[in-house]
Structures are given as C-alpha cells and as structure tokens.
C-alpha cells in the first residue's frame, strides 16, 4: 500500500469513526427531545425554515431523494400540522411550504439543541489555528462537492 493510500484510508477511517461517535452521542439526545417526529422530518423542517420558496423539488434535491419520497415527508408534516402549503399569485402551478407555529417551535427547539451541542464542542474548535480551519474547510468542501456529484448521478439513473 502506498503512502497516499494509507493516508486516504486513515482519513476515511477517522471520518467514519467521527460521524459514528457524533451520531452515538447526539442522536439519543435528539430523539429524546423529539420523540414524536423523525430526524428526517426535523431536517425537512429546518430546510423549509431556511429556504426561500421551498417546494417538493427543492426538498428532494436537498435531501438526496426522489420527488415522491420528498412529497411523502411533506404530507406527513402537513398532517401533523407542522407545515402548511401555499401558492404565490405569480405561479399558481407550484406549491410551496412554510412552517406553522408548531413547526416553528420545533425548529426553534432544534436550533437550541444544536447551540448546546456547539457549546459542548467549542473547546476543540478553540484549539484550531486559522490555517487548520482553512485546510479542513477546503478539504470538506472538495469532498462534499465530489460526493454531491456522485449522489446526484445515482439519483438521475
């Protein structure tokens, strides 16, 4: 095995370990806070809160799923009264989503939990130099773009 292959394997193993540990530590806290809503529904609520004119197409693109699957999640959230649909006068064909008061409360609780997680992890980030942060972000951006492209190619098949 070449040094390059060893480095790649070490990075991928470390990333896998990191995400498994993040999941093991934070997921139970999320599930305890949101016992009657799935994590994918929370992610959908977060996306709707942050996106101008969110619709099924944008939702499917963001969540890396088909429009049919995104539509199913939206229907669940509509049924739970966490989002509502609306149309704009300029485009009567397209249906958009926005949070209801209950959906906004869930999004606020979710953001609050993320702030708590961020505070817990701050000690590690405080140790990073600007150069280290720049290098990490550059790598993550490149790898994210690579994976995004690969996932989108598979979805389109």
N, C-alpha and C. Protein backbone atom coordinates (compact mmCIF):
# COMPACT_ATOMS: atom_id res chain seq x y z
N UNK A 1 0.85 -1.18 0.00
CA UNK A 1 0.00 0.00 0.00
C UNK A 1 0.90 1.25 0.00
N UNK A 2 0.57 2.18 -0.87
CA UNK A 2 1.37 3.40 -0.96
C UNK A 2 1.05 4.34 0.21
N UNK A 3 1.92 5.31 0.43
CA UNK A 3 1.68 6.30 1.48
C UNK A 3 0.36 7.05 1.23
N UNK A 4 0.11 7.37 -0.05
CA UNK A 4 -1.14 8.05 -0.42
C UNK A 4 -2.35 7.21 -0.02
N UNK A 5 -2.31 5.91 -0.32
CA UNK A 5 -3.43 5.01 0.02
C UNK A 5 -3.59 4.89 1.53
N UNK A 6 -2.47 4.82 2.24
CA UNK A 6 -2.53 4.75 3.70
C UNK A 6 -3.15 6.02 4.28
N UNK A 7 -2.74 7.18 3.75
CA UNK A 7 -3.31 8.45 4.22
C UNK A 7 -4.80 8.52 3.93
N UNK A 8 -5.19 8.11 2.72
CA UNK A 8 -6.61 8.13 2.36
C UNK A 8 -7.40 7.21 3.28
N UNK A 9 -6.89 6.02 3.52
CA UNK A 9 -7.58 5.07 4.39
C UNK A 9 -7.68 5.61 5.82
N UNK A 10 -6.62 6.22 6.30
CA UNK A 10 -6.63 6.78 7.66
C UNK A 10 -7.65 7.93 7.76
N UNK A 11 -7.69 8.79 6.76
CA UNK A 11 -8.66 9.90 6.76
C UNK A 11 -10.09 9.35 6.74
N UNK A 12 -10.35 8.40 5.85
CA UNK A 12 -11.71 7.85 5.74
C UNK A 12 -12.12 7.10 7.01
N UNK A 13 -11.19 6.37 7.60
CA UNK A 13 -11.49 5.67 8.86
C UNK A 13 -11.77 6.67 9.97
N UNK A 14 -10.97 7.73 10.03
CA UNK A 14 -11.17 8.76 11.05
C UNK A 14 -12.51 9.48 10.86
N UNK A 15 -12.86 9.78 9.62
CA UNK A 15 -14.16 10.43 9.36
C UNK A 15 -15.31 9.51 9.75
N UNK A 16 -15.21 8.25 9.39
CA UNK A 16 -16.25 7.28 9.74
C UNK A 16 -16.40 7.18 11.25
N UNK A 17 -15.27 7.05 11.95
CA UNK A 17 -15.30 7.00 13.42
C UNK A 17 -15.92 8.26 14.00
N UNK A 18 -15.52 9.41 13.47
CA UNK A 18 -16.03 10.69 13.95
C UNK A 18 -17.54 10.77 13.80
N UNK A 19 -18.06 10.45 12.62
CA UNK A 19 -19.51 10.56 12.39
C UNK A 19 -20.28 9.51 13.19
N UNK A 20 -19.70 8.33 13.37
CA UNK A 20 -20.37 7.33 14.21
C UNK A 20 -20.45 7.81 15.66
N UNK A 21 -19.40 8.45 16.14
CA UNK A 21 -19.39 8.96 17.51
C UNK A 21 -20.33 10.15 17.67
N UNK A 22 -20.35 11.03 16.68
CA UNK A 22 -21.30 12.15 16.71
C UNK A 22 -22.72 11.60 16.78
N UNK A 23 -23.00 10.62 15.94
CA UNK A 23 -24.32 10.00 15.92
C UNK A 23 -24.65 9.33 17.25
N UNK A 24 -23.69 8.59 17.79
CA UNK A 24 -23.91 7.89 19.06
C UNK A 24 -24.14 8.85 20.22
N UNK A 25 -23.48 10.00 20.19
CA UNK A 25 -23.59 10.95 21.30
C UNK A 25 -24.82 11.85 21.17
N UNK A 26 -25.05 12.38 19.97
CA UNK A 26 -26.10 13.39 19.81
C UNK A 26 -27.47 12.82 19.42
N UNK A 27 -27.50 11.73 18.68
CA UNK A 27 -28.78 11.18 18.22
C UNK A 27 -29.73 10.84 19.38
N UNK A 28 -29.26 10.18 20.45
CA UNK A 28 -30.19 9.90 21.55
C UNK A 28 -30.77 11.17 22.18
N UNK A 29 -29.97 12.22 22.24
CA UNK A 29 -30.46 13.49 22.78
C UNK A 29 -31.53 14.09 21.87
N UNK A 30 -31.30 13.99 20.56
CA UNK A 30 -32.29 14.48 19.58
C UNK A 30 -33.57 13.67 19.67
N UNK A 31 -33.43 12.36 19.75
CA UNK A 31 -34.61 11.50 19.81
C UNK A 31 -35.40 11.72 21.10
N UNK A 32 -34.71 11.98 22.19
CA UNK A 32 -35.40 12.25 23.46
C UNK A 32 -36.15 13.58 23.40
N UNK A 33 -35.55 14.57 22.75
CA UNK A 33 -36.18 15.89 22.63
C UNK A 33 -37.37 15.86 21.67
N UNK A 34 -37.27 15.02 20.64
CA UNK A 34 -38.30 14.96 19.60
C UNK A 34 -38.82 13.54 19.45
N UNK A 35 -39.54 13.08 20.43
CA UNK A 35 -39.97 11.68 20.45
C UNK A 35 -41.06 11.36 19.42
N UNK A 36 -41.81 12.36 18.98
CA UNK A 36 -42.93 12.07 18.07
C UNK A 36 -42.66 12.55 16.63
N UNK A 37 -41.39 12.79 16.32
CA UNK A 37 -41.04 13.25 14.97
C UNK A 37 -39.69 12.65 14.59
N UNK A 38 -39.58 12.23 13.33
CA UNK A 38 -38.34 11.57 12.89
C UNK A 38 -37.26 12.61 12.60
N UNK A 39 -36.02 12.15 12.58
CA UNK A 39 -34.90 13.04 12.28
C UNK A 39 -34.99 13.59 10.86
N UNK A 40 -35.50 12.79 9.92
CA UNK A 40 -35.66 13.30 8.55
C UNK A 40 -36.74 14.38 8.50
N UNK A 41 -37.76 14.25 9.32
CA UNK A 41 -38.79 15.29 9.39
C UNK A 41 -38.22 16.58 10.00
N UNK A 42 -37.36 16.43 10.99
CA UNK A 42 -36.71 17.61 11.59
C UNK A 42 -35.81 18.29 10.56
N UNK A 43 -35.07 17.50 9.80
CA UNK A 43 -34.21 18.06 8.76
C UNK A 43 -35.06 18.79 7.71
N UNK A 44 -36.21 18.24 7.40
CA UNK A 44 -37.12 18.87 6.44
C UNK A 44 -37.64 20.19 6.99
N UNK A 45 -38.01 20.20 8.25
CA UNK A 45 -38.48 21.44 8.88
C UNK A 45 -37.38 22.50 8.85
N UNK A 46 -36.17 22.09 9.17
CA UNK A 46 -35.03 23.02 9.16
C UNK A 46 -34.82 23.59 7.75
N UNK A 47 -34.91 22.73 6.74
CA UNK A 47 -34.72 23.18 5.36
C UNK A 47 -35.82 24.18 4.97
N UNK A 48 -37.06 23.88 5.31
CA UNK A 48 -38.16 24.77 4.98
C UNK A 48 -37.98 26.12 5.67
N UNK A 49 -37.51 26.10 6.91
CA UNK A 49 -37.30 27.34 7.66
C UNK A 49 -36.24 28.22 7.00
N UNK A 50 -35.24 27.62 6.39
CA UNK A 50 -34.08 28.37 5.88
C UNK A 50 -34.14 28.67 4.38
N UNK A 51 -35.10 28.13 3.68
CA UNK A 51 -35.10 28.20 2.22
C UNK A 51 -36.22 29.11 1.70
N UNK A 52 -35.87 30.02 0.82
CA UNK A 52 -36.92 30.83 0.20
C UNK A 52 -37.76 29.97 -0.77
N UNK A 53 -39.04 30.05 -0.66
CA UNK A 53 -39.98 29.31 -1.52
C UNK A 53 -39.66 27.82 -1.62
N UNK A 54 -39.61 27.13 -0.50
CA UNK A 54 -39.32 25.69 -0.55
C UNK A 54 -40.49 24.92 -1.16
N UNK A 55 -40.16 24.00 -2.04
CA UNK A 55 -41.17 23.14 -2.66
C UNK A 55 -40.63 21.70 -2.69
N UNK A 56 -41.42 20.79 -3.24
CA UNK A 56 -41.03 19.37 -3.26
C UNK A 56 -39.73 19.17 -4.04
N UNK A 57 -39.56 19.87 -5.14
CA UNK A 57 -38.35 19.71 -5.94
C UNK A 57 -37.11 20.13 -5.16
N UNK A 58 -37.16 21.29 -4.52
CA UNK A 58 -36.02 21.75 -3.72
C UNK A 58 -35.76 20.80 -2.55
N UNK A 59 -36.84 20.33 -1.95
CA UNK A 59 -36.73 19.41 -0.82
C UNK A 59 -36.05 18.11 -1.26
N UNK A 60 -36.49 17.54 -2.36
CA UNK A 60 -35.91 16.30 -2.88
C UNK A 60 -34.43 16.49 -3.19
N UNK A 61 -34.10 17.62 -3.80
CA UNK A 61 -32.71 17.92 -4.14
C UNK A 61 -31.85 18.01 -2.87
N UNK A 62 -32.35 18.71 -1.87
CA UNK A 62 -31.60 18.89 -0.63
C UNK A 62 -31.42 17.59 0.15
N UNK A 63 -32.45 16.77 0.18
CA UNK A 63 -32.43 15.54 0.97
C UNK A 63 -31.91 14.33 0.18
N UNK A 64 -31.51 14.54 -1.09
CA UNK A 64 -31.00 13.47 -1.93
C UNK A 64 -32.00 12.32 -2.04
N UNK A 65 -33.21 12.67 -2.45
CA UNK A 65 -34.24 11.65 -2.62
C UNK A 65 -35.10 12.00 -3.82
N UNK A 66 -35.97 11.11 -4.17
CA UNK A 66 -36.87 11.36 -5.28
C UNK A 66 -37.93 12.37 -4.86
N UNK A 67 -38.59 12.95 -5.84
CA UNK A 67 -39.67 13.89 -5.54
C UNK A 67 -40.80 13.17 -4.81
N UNK A 68 -41.03 11.91 -5.16
CA UNK A 68 -42.09 11.13 -4.50
C UNK A 68 -41.82 10.95 -3.01
N UNK A 69 -40.56 10.64 -2.68
CA UNK A 69 -40.19 10.47 -1.27
C UNK A 69 -40.29 11.79 -0.52
N UNK A 70 -39.86 12.88 -1.16
CA UNK A 70 -39.94 14.20 -0.53
C UNK A 70 -41.40 14.59 -0.32
N UNK A 71 -42.23 14.25 -1.27
CA UNK A 71 -43.66 14.53 -1.17
C UNK A 71 -44.28 13.78 0.02
N UNK A 72 -43.83 12.54 0.25
CA UNK A 72 -44.33 11.75 1.38
C UNK A 72 -44.00 12.42 2.72
N UNK A 73 -42.76 12.90 2.84
CA UNK A 73 -42.36 13.58 4.08
C UNK A 73 -43.19 14.85 4.27
N UNK A 74 -43.36 15.60 3.18
CA UNK A 74 -44.16 16.83 3.26
C UNK A 74 -45.59 16.52 3.69
N UNK A 75 -46.16 15.45 3.15
CA UNK A 75 -47.54 15.07 3.53
C UNK A 75 -47.63 14.72 5.01
N UNK A 76 -46.62 14.03 5.53
CA UNK A 76 -46.60 13.70 6.96
C UNK A 76 -46.57 14.97 7.80
N UNK A 77 -45.73 15.93 7.39
CA UNK A 77 -45.62 17.18 8.15
C UNK A 77 -46.88 18.02 8.02
N UNK A 78 -47.53 17.98 6.87
CA UNK A 78 -48.82 18.67 6.70
C UNK A 78 -49.87 18.06 7.62
N UNK A 79 -49.89 16.73 7.68
CA UNK A 79 -50.86 16.01 8.52
C UNK A 79 -50.63 16.31 10.00
N UNK A 80 -49.36 16.47 10.39
CA UNK A 80 -49.02 16.78 11.79
C UNK A 80 -49.17 18.27 12.09
N UNK A 81 -49.58 19.04 11.09
CA UNK A 81 -49.77 20.49 11.22
C UNK A 81 -48.47 21.20 11.60
N UNK A 82 -47.34 20.73 11.05
CA UNK A 82 -46.05 21.36 11.30
C UNK A 82 -45.64 22.26 10.14
N UNK A 83 -46.21 22.01 8.97
CA UNK A 83 -46.03 22.89 7.83
C UNK A 83 -47.39 23.10 7.18
N UNK A 84 -47.45 24.14 6.36
CA UNK A 84 -48.65 24.35 5.55
C UNK A 84 -48.21 24.66 4.13
N UNK A 85 -49.08 24.41 3.19
CA UNK A 85 -48.75 24.69 1.79
C UNK A 85 -49.38 26.01 1.39
N UNK A 86 -48.79 26.63 0.40
CA UNK A 86 -49.32 27.89 -0.14
C UNK A 86 -48.87 28.06 -1.57
N UNK A 87 -49.54 28.98 -2.26
CA UNK A 87 -49.15 29.33 -3.62
C UNK A 87 -48.95 30.83 -3.68
N UNK A 88 -48.19 31.25 -4.67
CA UNK A 88 -48.00 32.69 -4.86
C UNK A 88 -48.77 33.11 -6.11
N UNK A 89 -49.26 34.35 -6.13
CA UNK A 89 -50.08 34.79 -7.27
C UNK A 89 -49.37 34.68 -8.62
N UNK A 90 -48.05 34.86 -8.64
CA UNK A 90 -47.29 34.81 -9.89
C UNK A 90 -47.16 33.40 -10.46
N UNK A 91 -47.39 32.37 -9.60
CA UNK A 91 -47.20 31.00 -10.04
C UNK A 91 -48.24 30.10 -9.37
N UNK A 92 -49.38 29.97 -9.99
CA UNK A 92 -50.47 29.16 -9.42
C UNK A 92 -50.21 27.66 -9.55
N UNK A 93 -49.23 27.29 -10.35
CA UNK A 93 -48.93 25.87 -10.57
C UNK A 93 -48.13 25.26 -9.42
N UNK A 94 -47.18 26.01 -8.90
CA UNK A 94 -46.24 25.49 -7.89
C UNK A 94 -46.82 25.61 -6.49
N UNK A 95 -46.56 24.57 -5.68
CA UNK A 95 -46.97 24.57 -4.28
C UNK A 95 -45.72 24.71 -3.42
N UNK A 96 -45.76 25.64 -2.50
CA UNK A 96 -44.64 25.91 -1.60
C UNK A 96 -45.05 25.56 -0.17
N UNK A 97 -44.05 25.50 0.70
CA UNK A 97 -44.29 25.16 2.10
C UNK A 97 -43.74 26.23 3.02
N UNK A 98 -44.39 26.38 4.17
CA UNK A 98 -43.87 27.23 5.24
C UNK A 98 -44.23 26.56 6.56
N UNK A 99 -43.50 26.93 7.59
CA UNK A 99 -43.74 26.35 8.90
C UNK A 99 -44.99 26.94 9.52
N UNK A 100 -45.72 26.10 10.23
CA UNK A 100 -46.81 26.60 11.07
C UNK A 100 -46.18 27.06 12.38
N UNK A 101 -46.98 27.58 13.27
CA UNK A 101 -46.47 27.98 14.59
C UNK A 101 -45.83 26.78 15.29
N UNK A 102 -46.49 25.63 15.21
CA UNK A 102 -45.96 24.41 15.84
C UNK A 102 -44.65 23.98 15.18
N UNK A 103 -44.58 24.09 13.85
CA UNK A 103 -43.36 23.75 13.13
C UNK A 103 -42.22 24.68 13.50
N UNK A 104 -42.53 25.97 13.66
CA UNK A 104 -41.51 26.94 14.05
C UNK A 104 -40.99 26.64 15.46
N UNK A 105 -41.88 26.20 16.35
CA UNK A 105 -41.46 25.85 17.71
C UNK A 105 -40.50 24.66 17.68
N UNK A 106 -40.78 23.68 16.84
CA UNK A 106 -39.87 22.53 16.71
C UNK A 106 -38.53 23.00 16.15
N UNK A 107 -38.57 23.85 15.13
CA UNK A 107 -37.33 24.36 14.56
C UNK A 107 -36.52 25.14 15.59
N UNK A 108 -37.20 25.94 16.40
CA UNK A 108 -36.51 26.71 17.45
C UNK A 108 -35.86 25.77 18.48
N UNK A 109 -36.58 24.72 18.88
CA UNK A 109 -36.01 23.75 19.83
C UNK A 109 -34.82 23.02 19.21
N UNK A 110 -34.93 22.72 17.92
CA UNK A 110 -33.85 22.04 17.21
C UNK A 110 -32.61 22.93 17.15
N UNK A 111 -32.79 24.21 16.82
CA UNK A 111 -31.67 25.15 16.78
C UNK A 111 -31.04 25.30 18.16
N UNK A 112 -31.87 25.34 19.18
CA UNK A 112 -31.37 25.46 20.55
C UNK A 112 -30.51 24.25 20.93
N UNK A 113 -30.96 23.08 20.53
CA UNK A 113 -30.20 21.86 20.81
C UNK A 113 -28.86 21.90 20.07
N UNK A 114 -28.87 22.37 18.83
CA UNK A 114 -27.61 22.48 18.08
C UNK A 114 -26.66 23.48 18.74
N UNK A 115 -27.19 24.55 19.29
CA UNK A 115 -26.34 25.51 20.00
C UNK A 115 -25.72 24.85 21.23
N UNK A 116 -26.49 24.03 21.92
CA UNK A 116 -25.97 23.30 23.09
C UNK A 116 -24.85 22.36 22.65
N UNK A 117 -25.05 21.65 21.54
CA UNK A 117 -24.03 20.75 21.02
C UNK A 117 -22.78 21.54 20.64
N UNK A 118 -22.97 22.67 20.00
CA UNK A 118 -21.86 23.51 19.57
C UNK A 118 -21.06 24.01 20.77
N UNK A 119 -21.74 24.41 21.81
CA UNK A 119 -21.05 24.86 23.03
C UNK A 119 -20.24 23.72 23.63
N UNK A 120 -20.79 22.53 23.62
CA UNK A 120 -20.09 21.37 24.15
C UNK A 120 -18.80 21.10 23.38
N UNK A 121 -18.82 21.33 22.07
CA UNK A 121 -17.67 21.04 21.21
C UNK A 121 -16.72 22.22 21.06
N UNK A 122 -17.08 23.38 21.58
CA UNK A 122 -16.30 24.60 21.37
C UNK A 122 -14.85 24.46 21.81
N UNK A 123 -14.60 23.71 22.86
CA UNK A 123 -13.25 23.55 23.39
C UNK A 123 -12.29 23.00 22.32
N UNK A 124 -12.78 22.13 21.47
CA UNK A 124 -11.95 21.56 20.40
C UNK A 124 -11.69 22.60 19.32
N UNK A 125 -12.72 23.33 18.95
CA UNK A 125 -12.58 24.32 17.87
C UNK A 125 -11.72 25.50 18.30
N UNK A 126 -11.74 25.81 19.58
CA UNK A 126 -10.91 26.91 20.08
C UNK A 126 -9.41 26.63 19.91
N UNK A 127 -9.05 25.37 19.84
CA UNK A 127 -7.64 24.99 19.71
C UNK A 127 -7.13 25.09 18.27
N UNK A 128 -8.00 25.23 17.30
CA UNK A 128 -7.59 25.23 15.91
C UNK A 128 -7.04 26.59 15.48
N UNK A 129 -5.98 26.53 14.70
CA UNK A 129 -5.44 27.76 14.12
C UNK A 129 -6.29 28.13 12.90
N UNK A 130 -6.17 29.37 12.46
CA UNK A 130 -6.89 29.81 11.26
C UNK A 130 -6.50 28.96 10.05
N UNK A 131 -5.22 28.63 9.96
CA UNK A 131 -4.74 27.81 8.85
C UNK A 131 -5.35 26.41 8.89
N UNK A 132 -5.42 25.82 10.08
CA UNK A 132 -6.02 24.49 10.22
C UNK A 132 -7.49 24.52 9.81
N UNK A 133 -8.20 25.54 10.27
CA UNK A 133 -9.62 25.67 9.91
C UNK A 133 -9.75 25.80 8.39
N UNK A 134 -8.92 26.62 7.79
CA UNK A 134 -8.96 26.82 6.34
C UNK A 134 -8.71 25.51 5.59
N UNK A 135 -7.72 24.75 6.03
CA UNK A 135 -7.40 23.46 5.40
C UNK A 135 -8.54 22.46 5.55
N UNK A 136 -9.10 22.38 6.74
CA UNK A 136 -10.20 21.46 6.99
C UNK A 136 -11.40 21.82 6.12
N UNK A 137 -11.74 23.11 6.10
CA UNK A 137 -12.89 23.55 5.31
C UNK A 137 -12.67 23.33 3.81
N UNK A 138 -11.45 23.54 3.35
CA UNK A 138 -11.14 23.32 1.93
C UNK A 138 -11.33 21.84 1.58
N UNK A 139 -10.81 20.95 2.42
CA UNK A 139 -10.96 19.52 2.18
C UNK A 139 -12.43 19.12 2.20
N UNK A 140 -13.16 19.56 3.23
CA UNK A 140 -14.57 19.19 3.35
C UNK A 140 -15.39 19.71 2.18
N UNK A 141 -15.10 20.90 1.73
CA UNK A 141 -15.81 21.47 0.58
C UNK A 141 -15.56 20.62 -0.67
N UNK A 142 -14.32 20.27 -0.93
CA UNK A 142 -13.99 19.46 -2.11
C UNK A 142 -14.64 18.08 -2.02
N UNK A 143 -14.57 17.47 -0.84
CA UNK A 143 -15.13 16.13 -0.69
C UNK A 143 -16.66 16.16 -0.76
N UNK A 144 -17.26 17.18 -0.16
CA UNK A 144 -18.71 17.34 -0.25
C UNK A 144 -19.15 17.49 -1.70
N UNK A 145 -18.46 18.32 -2.47
CA UNK A 145 -18.80 18.51 -3.88
C UNK A 145 -18.65 17.22 -4.67
N UNK A 146 -17.60 16.46 -4.38
CA UNK A 146 -17.38 15.17 -5.04
C UNK A 146 -18.54 14.22 -4.74
N UNK A 147 -18.90 14.10 -3.46
CA UNK A 147 -19.99 13.20 -3.08
C UNK A 147 -21.33 13.67 -3.62
N UNK A 148 -21.56 14.98 -3.58
CA UNK A 148 -22.80 15.54 -4.11
C UNK A 148 -22.97 15.16 -5.57
N UNK A 149 -21.91 15.33 -6.34
CA UNK A 149 -21.95 14.99 -7.76
C UNK A 149 -22.23 13.49 -7.96
N UNK A 150 -21.58 12.66 -7.18
CA UNK A 150 -21.77 11.21 -7.29
C UNK A 150 -23.18 10.80 -6.92
N UNK A 151 -23.71 11.37 -5.85
CA UNK A 151 -25.07 11.05 -5.41
C UNK A 151 -26.08 11.49 -6.46
N UNK A 152 -25.93 12.68 -6.98
CA UNK A 152 -26.87 13.20 -7.98
C UNK A 152 -26.85 12.34 -9.25
N UNK A 153 -25.68 11.84 -9.64
CA UNK A 153 -25.60 10.95 -10.81
C UNK A 153 -26.40 9.68 -10.55
N UNK A 154 -26.30 9.14 -9.32
CA UNK A 154 -27.04 7.92 -8.99
C UNK A 154 -28.54 8.15 -8.92
N UNK A 155 -28.95 9.30 -8.43
CA UNK A 155 -30.38 9.61 -8.34
C UNK A 155 -30.98 9.73 -9.74
N UNK A 156 -30.21 10.27 -10.67
CA UNK A 156 -30.71 10.51 -12.02
C UNK A 156 -30.82 9.23 -12.84
N UNK A 157 -30.19 8.15 -12.39
CA UNK A 157 -30.22 6.88 -13.14
C UNK A 157 -31.59 6.26 -13.11
